[in-house]
């Protein structure tokens, strides 16, 4: 091999090695990263059965101040770990809220009644949240007017029962097909990877889904909430 070829190979090898080192550093740094809090903000997480057994006292010791816990999905699915997590979060001194995954294949009324049957009444709980995503949803794609009507019915029933305005977690895929962030006029739980939301009026920001938190095996969603008012 001539010198020019050797030099090109060395440069190419160096580029590959550098890229590999950057990737390793990135994936080592990312799960531990927490954006700096601003005035009135606090760290939190959202969990479901997927996280398995959680040591909530260790979670509290890792500066996690609130947790949203999956309660239900559709008209008949109840998260297997909801009841245990609901109690353990309160025992650990962490603020708690429940969320429901809204499916496009079941009426809003049936979903609201199921959610309310699963979540205990608690005047100190955070506002309930509804998870609106196409990923993981059923295969049906009703028209926008139908979805807006069923979702409005869900909100009406849950808000009447709890006395709180619901928090809307709206995935970008859902918003593109069924724009609800502005039309429903509710507090927003906004997913945006690492970067602060570029929309007005958000209450909770989902920072990423790869966080490492004491007391939880594996990855979990990291959130930041800011004070309402």
Protein backbone atom coordinates (compact mmCIF):
# COMPACT_ATOMS: atom_id res chain seq x y z
CA UNK A 1 0.00 0.00 0.00
CA UNK A 2 1.38 3.43 -0.89
CA UNK A 3 1.75 6.18 1.69
CA UNK A 4 -1.29 8.05 0.48
CA UNK A 5 -3.40 4.91 0.90
CA UNK A 6 -1.95 4.29 4.35
CA UNK A 7 -2.69 7.86 5.38
CA UNK A 8 -6.29 7.61 4.11
CA UNK A 9 -6.79 4.37 6.03
CA UNK A 10 -5.40 5.92 9.22
CA UNK A 11 -7.68 8.94 8.86
CA UNK A 12 -10.72 6.75 8.19
CA UNK A 13 -9.87 4.57 11.18
CA UNK A 14 -9.48 7.63 13.37
CA UNK A 15 -12.86 8.98 12.29
CA UNK A 16 -14.56 5.67 13.06
CA UNK A 17 -12.86 5.43 16.46
CA UNK A 18 -13.78 9.01 17.32
CA UNK A 19 -17.40 8.43 16.34
CA UNK A 20 -17.50 5.27 18.46
CA UNK A 21 -16.07 7.08 21.48
CA UNK A 22 -18.59 9.91 21.07
CA UNK A 23 -21.44 7.39 20.86
CA UNK A 24 -20.26 5.59 24.00
CA UNK A 25 -19.92 8.88 25.87
CA UNK A 26 -23.38 10.01 24.68
CA UNK A 27 -25.18 6.87 25.81
CA UNK A 28 -23.33 6.89 29.12
CA UNK A 29 -24.20 10.54 29.73
CA UNK A 30 -27.78 10.59 28.46
CA UNK A 31 -29.51 8.39 31.08
CA UNK A 32 -27.95 10.43 33.90
CA UNK A 33 -28.68 13.83 32.39
CA UNK A 34 -31.23 16.15 33.97
CA UNK A 35 -31.91 19.59 32.53
CA UNK A 36 -31.37 22.38 35.01
CA UNK A 37 -34.55 23.34 36.83
CA UNK A 38 -35.93 26.83 36.63
CA UNK A 39 -37.88 28.61 39.35
CA UNK A 40 -40.96 26.66 40.40
CA UNK A 41 -39.97 23.46 38.57
CA UNK A 42 -39.47 19.93 39.90
CA UNK A 43 -38.41 16.54 38.56
CA UNK A 44 -40.81 13.65 38.13
CA UNK A 45 -41.32 10.38 36.28
CA UNK A 46 -44.15 8.44 34.66
CA UNK A 47 -44.37 4.69 35.06
CA UNK A 48 -46.42 1.63 34.21
CA UNK A 49 -46.22 -2.11 34.72
CA UNK A 50 -43.27 -2.05 32.30
CA UNK A 51 -40.97 -0.71 35.05
CA UNK A 52 -41.56 -3.73 37.28
CA UNK A 53 -41.05 -3.50 41.05
CA UNK A 54 -40.06 0.00 42.15
CA UNK A 55 -38.40 1.07 45.38
CA UNK A 56 -40.24 4.36 45.78
CA UNK A 57 -38.28 5.51 48.82
CA UNK A 58 -35.08 5.32 46.79
CA UNK A 59 -36.86 7.17 43.99
CA UNK A 60 -37.79 9.93 46.43
CA UNK A 61 -34.18 10.08 47.58
CA UNK A 62 -33.11 10.74 43.97
CA UNK A 63 -34.88 14.12 43.97
CA UNK A 64 -38.03 12.87 42.22
CA UNK A 65 -40.96 14.91 43.52
CA UNK A 66 -43.91 13.60 41.50
CA UNK A 67 -44.98 10.51 39.59
CA UNK A 68 -47.70 9.81 37.08
CA UNK A 69 -48.81 6.18 37.22
CA UNK A 70 -50.61 4.32 34.46
CA UNK A 71 -54.02 3.25 35.72
CA UNK A 72 -55.93 2.03 32.70
CA UNK A 73 -56.29 1.72 28.95
CA UNK A 74 -59.40 1.58 26.81
CA UNK A 75 -62.60 0.36 28.41
CA UNK A 76 -61.40 -2.70 30.30
CA UNK A 77 -57.61 -2.83 30.78
CA UNK A 78 -56.16 -2.09 34.23
CA UNK A 79 -52.41 -1.77 34.75
CA UNK A 80 -51.35 -4.67 36.95
CA UNK A 81 -49.09 -2.57 39.17
CA UNK A 82 -51.27 0.51 39.51
CA UNK A 83 -52.74 -0.21 42.94
CA UNK A 84 -49.38 -1.09 44.47
CA UNK A 85 -47.62 1.88 42.93
CA UNK A 86 -50.43 4.25 43.91
CA UNK A 87 -50.06 3.38 47.59
CA UNK A 88 -46.27 3.13 47.63
CA UNK A 89 -45.80 6.53 45.96
CA UNK A 90 -47.84 8.23 48.68
CA UNK A 91 -46.02 6.32 51.42
CA UNK A 92 -42.72 7.62 50.02
CA UNK A 93 -43.93 11.22 50.15
CA UNK A 94 -44.04 11.70 46.38
CA UNK A 95 -46.91 13.56 44.72
CA UNK A 96 -48.99 11.18 42.64
CA UNK A 97 -51.26 11.34 39.64
CA UNK A 98 -52.95 8.71 37.48
CA UNK A 99 -53.06 8.52 33.70
CA UNK A 100 -55.22 6.70 31.16
CA UNK A 101 -54.19 5.57 27.67
CA UNK A 102 -57.01 6.62 25.35
CA UNK A 103 -57.87 4.14 22.61
CA UNK A 104 -59.61 5.02 19.37
CA UNK A 105 -61.59 1.77 19.44
CA UNK A 106 -63.74 2.41 22.53
CA UNK A 107 -66.20 5.15 23.37
CA UNK A 108 -65.04 8.02 25.53
CA UNK A 109 -67.80 7.32 28.05
CA UNK A 110 -66.80 3.67 28.52
CA UNK A 111 -63.16 4.67 28.97
CA UNK A 112 -64.01 7.38 31.50
CA UNK A 113 -66.12 5.04 33.58
CA UNK A 114 -63.40 2.42 33.57
CA UNK A 115 -60.70 4.93 34.56
CA UNK A 116 -62.84 6.27 37.41
CA UNK A 117 -63.51 2.73 38.65
CA UNK A 118 -59.76 2.05 38.88
CA UNK A 119 -58.43 5.25 40.47
CA UNK A 120 -59.30 5.93 44.12
CA UNK A 121 -60.69 9.35 44.99
CA UNK A 122 -57.94 11.56 46.39
CA UNK A 123 -58.36 15.31 46.71
CA UNK A 124 -54.60 15.72 47.09
CA UNK A 125 -53.73 13.89 43.86
CA UNK A 126 -52.32 15.64 40.83
CA UNK A 127 -54.77 16.29 38.00
CA UNK A 128 -55.53 13.11 36.08
CA UNK A 129 -53.84 12.79 32.70
CA UNK A 130 -54.90 11.22 29.42
CA UNK A 131 -52.27 9.74 27.09
CA UNK A 132 -53.02 10.46 23.42
CA UNK A 133 -50.76 8.59 21.00
CA UNK A 134 -51.23 6.67 17.77
CA UNK A 135 -48.23 4.44 18.54
CA UNK A 136 -49.55 1.46 20.48
CA UNK A 137 -53.17 2.37 19.74
CA UNK A 138 -55.69 0.19 17.95
CA UNK A 139 -55.78 0.03 14.16
CA UNK A 140 -58.95 2.10 13.66
CA UNK A 141 -58.55 5.71 12.57
CA UNK A 142 -61.92 7.47 12.98
CA UNK A 143 -62.53 10.91 11.59
CA UNK A 144 -61.38 13.97 13.47
CA UNK A 145 -64.89 14.98 14.51
CA UNK A 146 -65.56 11.54 16.00
CA UNK A 147 -62.31 11.54 17.97
CA UNK A 148 -62.91 15.06 19.24
CA UNK A 149 -66.41 14.10 20.37
CA UNK A 150 -65.36 10.93 22.20
CA UNK A 151 -62.39 12.61 23.82
CA UNK A 152 -64.54 15.54 24.94
CA UNK A 153 -66.96 13.09 26.54
CA UNK A 154 -64.10 11.38 28.37
CA UNK A 155 -62.86 14.73 29.68
CA UNK A 156 -66.34 15.82 30.71
CA UNK A 157 -67.02 12.73 32.81
CA UNK A 158 -63.61 12.53 34.48
CA UNK A 159 -63.46 16.25 35.23
CA UNK A 160 -66.96 16.21 36.67
CA UNK A 161 -66.04 13.29 38.95
CA UNK A 162 -62.65 14.61 40.08
CA UNK A 163 -63.24 18.35 40.06
CA UNK A 164 -59.96 18.85 38.17
CA UNK A 165 -59.10 19.79 34.60
CA UNK A 166 -57.26 16.95 32.91
CA UNK A 167 -53.70 17.10 31.70
CA UNK A 168 -53.26 16.14 28.04
CA UNK A 169 -50.21 14.12 27.00
CA UNK A 170 -50.29 14.53 23.23
CA UNK A 171 -47.84 12.64 21.06
CA UNK A 172 -46.75 14.39 17.88
CA UNK A 173 -48.21 11.55 15.80
CA UNK A 174 -51.62 12.05 17.40
CA UNK A 175 -51.49 15.84 17.07
CA UNK A 176 -50.70 15.64 13.35
CA UNK A 177 -53.79 13.52 12.69
CA UNK A 178 -56.09 14.85 15.40
CA UNK A 179 -55.02 18.37 16.46
CA UNK A 180 -56.20 18.77 20.05
CA UNK A 181 -53.57 20.80 21.88
CA UNK A 182 -55.25 24.11 21.19
CA UNK A 183 -58.83 23.01 20.45
CA UNK A 184 -59.40 21.35 23.83
CA UNK A 185 -57.87 24.15 25.92
CA UNK A 186 -56.37 21.97 28.65
CA UNK A 187 -52.99 21.91 30.42
CA UNK A 188 -50.40 20.20 28.23
CA UNK A 189 -47.89 17.47 29.04
CA UNK A 190 -45.46 18.00 26.19
CA UNK A 191 -42.96 15.36 24.97
CA UNK A 192 -39.79 16.91 23.53
CA UNK A 193 -36.46 15.10 23.60
CA UNK A 194 -33.98 17.07 25.76
CA UNK A 195 -35.07 20.48 24.43
CA UNK A 196 -37.53 22.63 26.34
CA UNK A 197 -40.98 22.82 24.76
CA UNK A 198 -41.35 25.51 22.14
CA UNK A 199 -45.08 25.89 22.80
CA UNK A 200 -46.79 28.14 25.31
CA UNK A 201 -48.79 26.93 28.26
CA UNK A 202 -47.20 23.56 29.02
CA UNK A 203 -47.46 22.24 32.57
CA UNK A 204 -45.30 19.12 32.26
CA UNK A 205 -42.39 18.41 29.92
CA UNK A 206 -41.41 14.82 29.17
CA UNK A 207 -37.67 15.15 28.71
CA UNK A 208 -36.77 11.63 27.56
CA UNK A 209 -37.54 7.97 27.99
CA UNK A 210 -34.06 6.71 28.90
CA UNK A 211 -33.49 8.07 32.41
CA UNK A 212 -31.79 6.12 35.15
CA UNK A 213 -33.45 6.70 38.53
CA UNK A 214 -32.48 5.13 41.84
CA UNK A 215 -34.98 2.43 42.81
CA UNK A 216 -35.92 1.52 39.23
CA UNK A 217 -34.28 -1.18 37.16
CA UNK A 218 -33.77 -0.10 33.58
CA UNK A 219 -35.01 3.04 31.87
CA UNK A 220 -37.90 5.33 32.73
CA UNK A 221 -39.47 8.54 31.42
CA UNK A 222 -38.09 11.70 33.04
CA UNK A 223 -40.42 14.69 33.36
CA UNK A 224 -40.26 18.25 34.60
CA UNK A 225 -43.36 20.01 35.97
CA UNK A 226 -43.66 23.70 36.55
CA UNK A 227 -45.84 25.46 39.04
CA UNK A 228 -49.30 26.41 37.84
CA UNK A 229 -50.60 29.85 38.40
